[in-house]
Amino acid sequence: VEATSPGSQHTCQSFGFTLAHKIVYADVPFLSALGGQ
């Protein structure tokens, strides 16, 4: 699963998925306005 929001990320965690990688939106030029973590 590529989880794009806290809701989908929580769902994955509740089913025992492993976080394999992440990219913070603030570090992506076209998504930097999202800010935060």
PDB file of all heavy atoms in Angstrom:
ATOM      1  N   VAL A   1       0.845  -1.192   0.000  1.00  0.00           N
ATOM      2  CA  VAL A   1       0.000   0.000   0.000  1.00  0.00           C
ATOM      3  C   VAL A   1       0.880   1.241   0.000  1.00  0.00           C
ATOM      4  O   VAL A   1       1.828   1.338   0.790  1.00  0.00           O
ATOM      5  CB  VAL A   1      -0.916   0.050   1.251  1.00  0.00           C
ATOM      6  CG1 VAL A   1      -1.813   1.281   1.214  1.00  0.00           C
ATOM      7  CG2 VAL A   1      -1.735  -1.213   1.392  1.00  0.00           C
ATOM      8  N   GLU A   2       0.560   2.205  -0.870  1.00  0.00           N
ATOM      9  CA  GLU A   2       1.135   3.543  -0.759  1.00  0.00           C
ATOM     10  C   GLU A   2       0.104   4.400  -0.023  1.00  0.00           C
ATOM     11  O   GLU A   2      -0.929   4.755  -0.591  1.00  0.00           O
ATOM     12  CB  GLU A   2       1.433   4.152  -2.130  1.00  0.00           C
ATOM     13  CG  GLU A   2       2.395   3.343  -2.981  1.00  0.00           C
ATOM     14  CD  GLU A   2       1.668   2.524  -4.050  1.00  0.00           C
ATOM     15  OE1 GLU A   2       0.412   2.377  -3.952  1.00  0.00           O
ATOM     16  OE2 GLU A   2       2.335   2.028  -4.969  1.00  0.00           O
ATOM     17  N   ALA A   3       0.356   4.696   1.245  1.00  0.00           N
ATOM     18  CA  ALA A   3      -0.614   5.395   2.090  1.00  0.00           C
ATOM     19  C   ALA A   3      -0.298   6.886   2.112  1.00  0.00           C
ATOM     20  O   ALA A   3       0.793   7.288   2.515  1.00  0.00           O
ATOM     21  CB  ALA A   3      -0.589   4.825   3.500  1.00  0.00           C
ATOM     22  N   THR A   4      -1.263   7.694   1.689  1.00  0.00           N
ATOM     23  CA  THR A   4      -1.010   9.116   1.492  1.00  0.00           C
ATOM     24  C   THR A   4      -1.514  10.010   2.617  1.00  0.00           C
ATOM     25  O   THR A   4      -1.202  11.195   2.648  1.00  0.00           O
ATOM     26  CB  THR A   4      -1.665   9.589   0.185  1.00  0.00           C
ATOM     27  OG1 THR A   4      -3.079   9.392   0.268  1.00  0.00           O
ATOM     28  CG2 THR A   4      -1.110   8.824  -1.008  1.00  0.00           C
ATOM     29  N   SER A   5      -2.304   9.448   3.538  1.00  0.00           N
ATOM     30  CA  SER A   5      -2.918  10.271   4.578  1.00  0.00           C
ATOM     31  C   SER A   5      -2.878   9.546   5.919  1.00  0.00           C
ATOM     32  O   SER A   5      -2.727   8.319   5.966  1.00  0.00           O
ATOM     33  CB  SER A   5      -4.372  10.589   4.209  1.00  0.00           C
ATOM     34  OG  SER A   5      -5.140   9.403   4.207  1.00  0.00           O
ATOM     35  N   PRO A   6      -3.050  10.271   7.023  1.00  0.00           N
ATOM     36  CA  PRO A   6      -3.034   9.613   8.339  1.00  0.00           C
ATOM     37  C   PRO A   6      -4.065   8.512   8.478  1.00  0.00           C
ATOM     38  O   PRO A   6      -3.806   7.493   9.121  1.00  0.00           O
ATOM     39  CB  PRO A   6      -3.324  10.776   9.303  1.00  0.00           C
ATOM     40  CG  PRO A   6      -2.807  11.985   8.595  1.00  0.00           C
ATOM     41  CD  PRO A   6      -3.105  11.748   7.137  1.00  0.00           C
ATOM     42  N   GLY A   7      -5.251   8.683   7.853  1.00  0.00           N
ATOM     43  CA  GLY A   7      -6.280   7.658   7.965  1.00  0.00           C
ATOM     44  C   GLY A   7      -5.860   6.344   7.345  1.00  0.00           C
ATOM     45  O   GLY A   7      -6.000   5.277   7.961  1.00  0.00           O
ATOM     46  N   SER A   8      -5.338   6.385   6.121  1.00  0.00           N
ATOM     47  CA  SER A   8      -4.913   5.147   5.457  1.00  0.00           C
ATOM     48  C   SER A   8      -3.682   4.559   6.126  1.00  0.00           C
ATOM     49  O   SER A   8      -3.519   3.335   6.202  1.00  0.00           O
ATOM     50  CB  SER A   8      -4.650   5.407   3.968  1.00  0.00           C
ATOM     51  OG  SER A   8      -3.694   6.427   3.776  1.00  0.00           O
ATOM     52  N   GLN A   9      -2.830   5.416   6.664  1.00  0.00           N
ATOM     53  CA  GLN A   9      -1.636   4.933   7.366  1.00  0.00           C
ATOM     54  C   GLN A   9      -2.024   4.203   8.648  1.00  0.00           C
ATOM     55  O   GLN A   9      -1.474   3.132   8.962  1.00  0.00           O
ATOM     56  CB  GLN A   9      -0.704   6.114   7.643  1.00  0.00           C
ATOM     57  CG  GLN A   9      -0.079   6.665   6.359  1.00  0.00           C
ATOM     58  CD  GLN A   9       0.396   8.100   6.456  1.00  0.00           C
ATOM     59  OE1 GLN A   9       0.402   8.704   7.535  1.00  0.00           O
ATOM     60  NE2 GLN A   9       0.805   8.669   5.334  1.00  0.00           N
ATOM     61  N   HIS A  10      -2.990   4.743   9.349  1.00  0.00           N
ATOM     62  CA  HIS A  10      -3.466   4.078  10.581  1.00  0.00           C
ATOM     63  C   HIS A  10      -4.094   2.725  10.252  1.00  0.00           C
ATOM     64  O   HIS A  10      -3.880   1.736  10.971  1.00  0.00           O
ATOM     65  CB  HIS A  10      -4.475   4.969  11.299  1.00  0.00           C
ATOM     66  CG  HIS A  10      -5.091   4.321  12.505  1.00  0.00           C
ATOM     67  ND1 HIS A  10      -4.404   4.141  13.693  1.00  0.00           N
ATOM     68  CD2 HIS A  10      -6.322   3.775  12.690  1.00  0.00           C
ATOM     69  CE1 HIS A  10      -5.189   3.523  14.562  1.00  0.00           C
ATOM     70  NE2 HIS A  10      -6.350   3.289  13.981  1.00  0.00           N
ATOM     71  N   THR A  11      -4.857   2.671   9.146  1.00  0.00           N
ATOM     72  CA  THR A  11      -5.476   1.407   8.749  1.00  0.00           C
ATOM     73  C   THR A  11      -4.415   0.351   8.471  1.00  0.00           C
ATOM     74  O   THR A  11      -4.522  -0.798   8.927  1.00  0.00           O
ATOM     75  CB  THR A  11      -6.363   1.607   7.512  1.00  0.00           C
ATOM     76  OG1 THR A  11      -7.434   2.499   7.837  1.00  0.00           O
ATOM     77  CG2 THR A  11      -6.941   0.278   7.041  1.00  0.00           C
ATOM     78  N   CYS A  12      -3.371   0.727   7.745  1.00  0.00           N
ATOM     79  CA  CYS A  12      -2.287  -0.224   7.463  1.00  0.00           C
ATOM     80  C   CYS A  12      -1.645  -0.719   8.747  1.00  0.00           C
ATOM     81  O   CYS A  12      -1.396  -1.926   8.912  1.00  0.00           O
ATOM     82  CB  CYS A  12      -1.234   0.435   6.571  1.00  0.00           C
ATOM     83  SG  CYS A  12      -1.774   0.701   4.872  1.00  0.00           S
ATOM     84  N   GLN A  13      -1.380   0.179   9.661  1.00  0.00           N
ATOM     85  CA  GLN A  13      -0.756  -0.203  10.924  1.00  0.00           C
ATOM     86  C   GLN A  13      -1.642  -1.162  11.709  1.00  0.00           C
ATOM     87  O   GLN A  13      -1.162  -2.128  12.316  1.00  0.00           O
ATOM     88  CB  GLN A  13      -0.465   1.053  11.740  1.00  0.00           C
ATOM     89  CG  GLN A  13       0.604   1.955  11.125  1.00  0.00           C
ATOM     90  CD  GLN A  13       0.565   3.370  11.662  1.00  0.00           C
ATOM     91  OE1 GLN A  13      -0.108   3.651  12.659  1.00  0.00           O
ATOM     92  NE2 GLN A  13       1.272   4.285  11.003  1.00  0.00           N
ATOM     93  N   SER A  14      -2.953  -0.936  11.666  1.00  0.00           N
ATOM     94  CA  SER A  14      -3.873  -1.783  12.428  1.00  0.00           C
ATOM     95  C   SER A  14      -3.931  -3.209  11.876  1.00  0.00           C
ATOM     96  O   SER A  14      -4.306  -4.127  12.602  1.00  0.00           O
ATOM     97  CB  SER A  14      -5.277  -1.165  12.437  1.00  0.00           C
ATOM     98  OG  SER A  14      -5.895  -1.246  11.165  1.00  0.00           O
ATOM     99  N   PHE A  15      -3.545  -3.397  10.612  1.00  0.00           N
ATOM    100  CA  PHE A  15      -3.519  -4.730  10.013  1.00  0.00           C
ATOM    101  C   PHE A  15      -2.127  -5.356  10.047  1.00  0.00           C
ATOM    102  O   PHE A  15      -1.918  -6.430   9.480  1.00  0.00           O
ATOM    103  CB  PHE A  15      -4.041  -4.678   8.575  1.00  0.00           C
ATOM    104  CG  PHE A  15      -5.544  -4.681   8.473  1.00  0.00           C
ATOM    105  CD1 PHE A  15      -6.242  -3.491   8.414  1.00  0.00           C
ATOM    106  CD2 PHE A  15      -6.248  -5.868   8.452  1.00  0.00           C
ATOM    107  CE1 PHE A  15      -7.630  -3.486   8.333  1.00  0.00           C
ATOM    108  CE2 PHE A  15      -7.638  -5.875   8.366  1.00  0.00           C
ATOM    109  CZ  PHE A  15      -8.334  -4.675   8.313  1.00  0.00           C
ATOM    110  N   GLY A  16      -1.188  -4.712  10.720  1.00  0.00           N
ATOM    111  CA  GLY A  16       0.126  -5.304  10.898  1.00  0.00           C
ATOM    112  C   GLY A  16       1.118  -5.058   9.788  1.00  0.00           C
ATOM    113  O   GLY A  16       2.164  -5.712   9.732  1.00  0.00           O
ATOM    114  N   PHE A  17       0.823  -4.117   8.882  1.00  0.00           N
ATOM    115  CA  PHE A  17       1.771  -3.776   7.835  1.00  0.00           C
ATOM    116  C   PHE A  17       3.034  -3.149   8.435  1.00  0.00           C
ATOM    117  O   PHE A  17       2.984  -2.500   9.481  1.00  0.00           O
ATOM    118  CB  PHE A  17       1.166  -2.759   6.862  1.00  0.00           C
ATOM    119  CG  PHE A  17       0.225  -3.333   5.844  1.00  0.00           C
ATOM    120  CD1 PHE A  17      -1.068  -3.711   6.203  1.00  0.00           C
ATOM    121  CD2 PHE A  17       0.602  -3.472   4.522  1.00  0.00           C
ATOM    122  CE1 PHE A  17      -1.954  -4.219   5.263  1.00  0.00           C
ATOM    123  CE2 PHE A  17      -0.268  -3.976   3.569  1.00  0.00           C
ATOM    124  CZ  PHE A  17      -1.548  -4.349   3.938  1.00  0.00           C
ATOM    125  N   THR A  18       4.152  -3.330   7.742  1.00  0.00           N
ATOM    126  CA  THR A  18       5.423  -2.726   8.116  1.00  0.00           C
ATOM    127  C   THR A  18       5.658  -1.459   7.296  1.00  0.00           C
ATOM    128  O   THR A  18       5.467  -1.470   6.071  1.00  0.00           O
ATOM    129  CB  THR A  18       6.590  -3.699   7.852  1.00  0.00           C
ATOM    130  OG1 THR A  18       6.430  -4.846   8.690  1.00  0.00           O
ATOM    131  CG2 THR A  18       7.941  -3.041   8.132  1.00  0.00           C
ATOM    132  N   LEU A  19       6.049  -0.381   7.963  1.00  0.00           N
ATOM    133  CA  LEU A  19       6.436   0.834   7.249  1.00  0.00           C
ATOM    134  C   LEU A  19       7.774   0.581   6.576  1.00  0.00           C
ATOM    135  O   LEU A  19       8.787   0.381   7.229  1.00  0.00           O
ATOM    136  CB  LEU A  19       6.536   2.011   8.220  1.00  0.00           C
ATOM    137  CG  LEU A  19       7.039   3.335   7.630  1.00  0.00           C
ATOM    138  CD1 LEU A  19       6.106   3.833   6.530  1.00  0.00           C
ATOM    139  CD2 LEU A  19       7.168   4.385   8.734  1.00  0.00           C
ATOM    140  N   ALA A  20       7.775   0.570   5.234  1.00  0.00           N
ATOM    141  CA  ALA A  20       8.968   0.215   4.470  1.00  0.00           C
ATOM    142  C   ALA A  20       9.742   1.429   3.981  1.00  0.00           C
ATOM    143  O   ALA A  20      10.928   1.323   3.667  1.00  0.00           O
ATOM    144  CB  ALA A  20       8.584  -0.658   3.280  1.00  0.00           C
ATOM    145  N   HIS A  21       9.089   2.563   3.884  1.00  0.00           N
ATOM    146  CA  HIS A  21       9.768   3.805   3.481  1.00  0.00           C
ATOM    147  C   HIS A  21       8.759   4.943   3.559  1.00  0.00           C
ATOM    148  O   HIS A  21       7.552   4.717   3.511  1.00  0.00           O
ATOM    149  CB  HIS A  21      10.317   3.703   2.056  1.00  0.00           C
ATOM    150  CG  HIS A  21      11.251   4.833   1.696  1.00  0.00           C
ATOM    151  ND1 HIS A  21      12.367   5.141   2.447  1.00  0.00           N
ATOM    152  CD2 HIS A  21      11.223   5.742   0.679  1.00  0.00           C
ATOM    153  CE1 HIS A  21      12.992   6.169   1.897  1.00  0.00           C
ATOM    154  NE2 HIS A  21      12.311   6.559   0.834  1.00  0.00           N
ATOM    155  N   LYS A  22       9.268   6.157   3.692  1.00  0.00           N
ATOM    156  CA  LYS A  22       8.375   7.304   3.626  1.00  0.00           C
ATOM    157  C   LYS A  22       9.115   8.511   3.054  1.00  0.00           C
ATOM    158  O   LYS A  22      10.343   8.628   3.147  1.00  0.00           O
ATOM    159  CB  LYS A  22       7.790   7.651   5.001  1.00  0.00           C
ATOM    160  CG  LYS A  22       8.745   8.280   6.003  1.00  0.00           C
ATOM    161  CD  LYS A  22       7.981   8.640   7.283  1.00  0.00           C
ATOM    162  CE  LYS A  22       8.878   9.306   8.310  1.00  0.00           C
ATOM    163  NZ  LYS A  22       8.120   9.684   9.526  1.00  0.00           N
ATOM    164  N   ILE A  23       8.337   9.403   2.447  1.00  0.00           N
ATOM    165  CA  ILE A  23       8.860  10.661   1.918  1.00  0.00           C
ATOM    166  C   ILE A  23       8.007  11.781   2.503  1.00  0.00           C
ATOM    167  O   ILE A  23       6.782  11.809   2.295  1.00  0.00           O
ATOM    168  CB  ILE A  23       8.803  10.692   0.382  1.00  0.00           C
ATOM    169  CG1 ILE A  23       9.684   9.584  -0.206  1.00  0.00           C
ATOM    170  CG2 ILE A  23       9.256  12.054  -0.147  1.00  0.00           C
ATOM    171  CD1 ILE A  23       9.584   9.448  -1.708  1.00  0.00           C
ATOM    172  N   VAL A  24       8.628  12.664   3.242  1.00  0.00           N
ATOM    173  CA  VAL A  24       7.904  13.770   3.877  1.00  0.00           C
ATOM    174  C   VAL A  24       7.496  14.779   2.805  1.00  0.00           C
ATOM    175  O   VAL A  24       8.318  15.187   1.975  1.00  0.00           O
ATOM    176  CB  VAL A  24       8.784  14.435   4.957  1.00  0.00           C
ATOM    177  CG1 VAL A  24       8.067  15.643   5.571  1.00  0.00           C
ATOM    178  CG2 VAL A  24       9.141  13.420   6.044  1.00  0.00           C
ATOM    179  N   TYR A  25       6.235  15.166   2.813  1.00  0.00           N
ATOM    180  CA  TYR A  25       5.727  16.065   1.778  1.00  0.00           C
ATOM    181  C   TYR A  25       6.477  17.396   1.742  1.00  0.00           C
ATOM    182  O   TYR A  25       6.674  17.977   0.668  1.00  0.00           O
ATOM    183  CB  TYR A  25       4.239  16.324   1.986  1.00  0.00           C
ATOM    184  CG  TYR A  25       3.356  15.124   1.757  1.00  0.00           C
ATOM    185  CD1 TYR A  25       2.304  14.827   2.618  1.00  0.00           C
ATOM    186  CD2 TYR A  25       3.560  14.283   0.669  1.00  0.00           C
ATOM    187  CE1 TYR A  25       1.478  13.733   2.398  1.00  0.00           C
ATOM    188  CE2 TYR A  25       2.754  13.184   0.438  1.00  0.00           C
ATOM    189  CZ  TYR A  25       1.713  12.913   1.317  1.00  0.00           C
ATOM    190  OH  TYR A  25       0.911  11.827   1.098  1.00  0.00           O
ATOM    191  N   ALA A  26       6.892  17.875   2.897  1.00  0.00           N
ATOM    192  CA  ALA A  26       7.581  19.163   2.953  1.00  0.00           C
ATOM    193  C   ALA A  26       8.890  19.151   2.165  1.00  0.00           C
ATOM    194  O   ALA A  26       9.397  20.206   1.769  1.00  0.00           O
ATOM    195  CB  ALA A  26       7.850  19.560   4.402  1.00  0.00           C
ATOM    196  N   ASP A  27       9.422  17.952   1.908  1.00  0.00           N
ATOM    197  CA  ASP A  27      10.683  17.829   1.162  1.00  0.00           C
ATOM    198  C   ASP A  27      10.464  17.657  -0.343  1.00  0.00           C
ATOM    199  O   ASP A  27      11.436  17.500  -1.090  1.00  0.00           O
ATOM    200  CB  ASP A  27      11.477  16.617   1.692  1.00  0.00           C
ATOM    201  CG  ASP A  27      11.901  16.794   3.138  1.00  0.00           C
ATOM    202  OD1 ASP A  27      12.042  17.951   3.575  1.00  0.00           O
ATOM    203  OD2 ASP A  27      12.079  15.767   3.826  1.00  0.00           O
ATOM    204  N   VAL A  28       9.208  17.678  -0.771  1.00  0.00           N
ATOM    205  CA  VAL A  28       8.877  17.517  -2.193  1.00  0.00           C
ATOM    206  C   VAL A  28       8.411  18.866  -2.722  1.00  0.00           C
ATOM    207  O   VAL A  28       7.421  19.406  -2.220  1.00  0.00           O
ATOM    208  CB  VAL A  28       7.763  16.460  -2.386  1.00  0.00           C
ATOM    209  CG1 VAL A  28       7.419  16.304  -3.860  1.00  0.00           C
ATOM    210  CG2 VAL A  28       8.190  15.133  -1.771  1.00  0.00           C
ATOM    211  N   PRO A  29       9.090  19.443  -3.705  1.00  0.00           N
ATOM    212  CA  PRO A  29       8.758  20.803  -4.153  1.00  0.00           C
ATOM    213  C   PRO A  29       7.279  21.047  -4.421  1.00  0.00           C
ATOM    214  O   PRO A  29       6.707  22.028  -3.916  1.00  0.00           O
ATOM    215  CB  PRO A  29       9.602  20.967  -5.421  1.00  0.00           C
ATOM    216  CG  PRO A  29      10.802  20.125  -5.168  1.00  0.00           C
ATOM    217  CD  PRO A  29      10.283  18.924  -4.425  1.00  0.00           C
ATOM    218  N   PHE A  30       6.610  20.163  -5.169  1.00  0.00           N
ATOM    219  CA  PHE A  30       5.217  20.467  -5.515  1.00  0.00           C
ATOM    220  C   PHE A  30       4.243  20.183  -4.365  1.00  0.00           C
ATOM    221  O   PHE A  30       3.049  20.509  -4.454  1.00  0.00           O
ATOM    222  CB  PHE A  30       4.803  19.727  -6.801  1.00  0.00           C
ATOM    223  CG  PHE A  30       4.446  18.279  -6.647  1.00  0.00           C
ATOM    224  CD1 PHE A  30       3.132  17.868  -6.514  1.00  0.00           C
ATOM    225  CD2 PHE A  30       5.438  17.295  -6.676  1.00  0.00           C
ATOM    226  CE1 PHE A  30       2.807  16.525  -6.400  1.00  0.00           C
ATOM    227  CE2 PHE A  30       5.117  15.955  -6.567  1.00  0.00           C
ATOM    228  CZ  PHE A  30       3.801  15.566  -6.423  1.00  0.00           C
ATOM    229  N   LEU A  31       4.759  19.613  -3.257  1.00  0.00           N
ATOM    230  CA  LEU A  31       3.924  19.341  -2.086  1.00  0.00           C
ATOM    231  C   LEU A  31       4.374  20.104  -0.847  1.00  0.00           C
ATOM    232  O   LEU A  31       3.818  19.926   0.232  1.00  0.00           O
ATOM    233  CB  LEU A  31       3.930  17.838  -1.777  1.00  0.00           C
ATOM    234  CG  LEU A  31       3.325  16.924  -2.837  1.00  0.00           C
ATOM    235  CD1 LEU A  31       3.575  15.468  -2.475  1.00  0.00           C
ATOM    236  CD2 LEU A  31       1.833  17.177  -2.994  1.00  0.00           C
ATOM    237  N   SER A  32       5.370  20.957  -0.993  1.00  0.00           N
ATOM    238  CA  SER A  32       5.971  21.618   0.172  1.00  0.00           C
ATOM    239  C   SER A  32       4.977  22.469   0.950  1.00  0.00           C
ATOM    240  O   SER A  32       5.141  22.682   2.157  1.00  0.00           O
ATOM    241  CB  SER A  32       7.165  22.479  -0.265  1.00  0.00           C
ATOM    242  OG  SER A  32       6.760  23.454  -1.203  1.00  0.00           O
ATOM    243  N   ALA A  33       3.921  22.939   0.290  1.00  0.00           N
ATOM    244  CA  ALA A  33       2.927  23.760   0.977  1.00  0.00           C
ATOM    245  C   ALA A  33       2.188  22.981   2.059  1.00  0.00           C
ATOM    246  O   ALA A  33       1.610  23.592   2.965  1.00  0.00           O
ATOM    247  CB  ALA A  33       1.933  24.330  -0.029  1.00  0.00           C
ATOM    248  N   LEU A  34       2.209  21.657   1.982  1.00  0.00           N
ATOM    249  CA  LEU A  34       1.543  20.859   3.001  1.00  0.00           C
ATOM    250  C   LEU A  34       2.245  20.971   4.346  1.00  0.00           C
ATOM    251  O   LEU A  34       1.623  20.859   5.396  1.00  0.00           O
ATOM    252  CB  LEU A  34       1.476  19.390   2.564  1.00  0.00           C
ATOM    253  CG  LEU A  34       0.597  19.099   1.347  1.00  0.00           C
ATOM    254  CD1 LEU A  34       0.768  17.659   0.894  1.00  0.00           C
ATOM    255  CD2 LEU A  34      -0.862  19.386   1.655  1.00  0.00           C
ATOM    256  N   GLY A  35       3.576  21.182   4.313  1.00  0.00           N
ATOM    257  CA  GLY A  35       4.352  21.415   5.532  1.00  0.00           C
ATOM    258  C   GLY A  35       4.272  20.286   6.542  1.00  0.00           C
ATOM    259  O   GLY A  35       3.771  19.200   6.272  1.00  0.00           O
ATOM    260  N   GLY A  36       4.782  20.555   7.744  1.00  0.00           N
ATOM    261  CA  GLY A  36       4.723  19.613   8.840  1.00  0.00           C
ATOM    262  C   GLY A  36       5.433  18.304   8.545  1.00  0.00           C
ATOM    263  O   GLY A  36       6.336  18.232   7.725  1.00  0.00           O
ATOM    264  N   GLN A  37       4.976  17.248   9.222  1.00  0.00           N
ATOM    265  CA  GLN A  37       5.579  15.932   9.090  1.00  0.00           C
ATOM    266  C   GLN A  37       4.717  14.964   8.292  1.00  0.00           C
ATOM    267  O   GLN A  37       5.001  13.766   8.243  1.00  0.00           O
ATOM    268  CB  GLN A  37       5.856  15.353  10.482  1.00  0.00           C
ATOM    269  CG  GLN A  37       6.925  16.106  11.250  1.00  0.00           C
ATOM    270  CD  GLN A  37       8.246  16.150  10.484  1.00  0.00           C
ATOM    271  OE1 GLN A  37       8.782  15.122  10.082  1.00  0.00           O
ATOM    272  NE2 GLN A  37       8.778  17.348  10.280  1.00  0.00           N
TER     273      GLN A  37
END
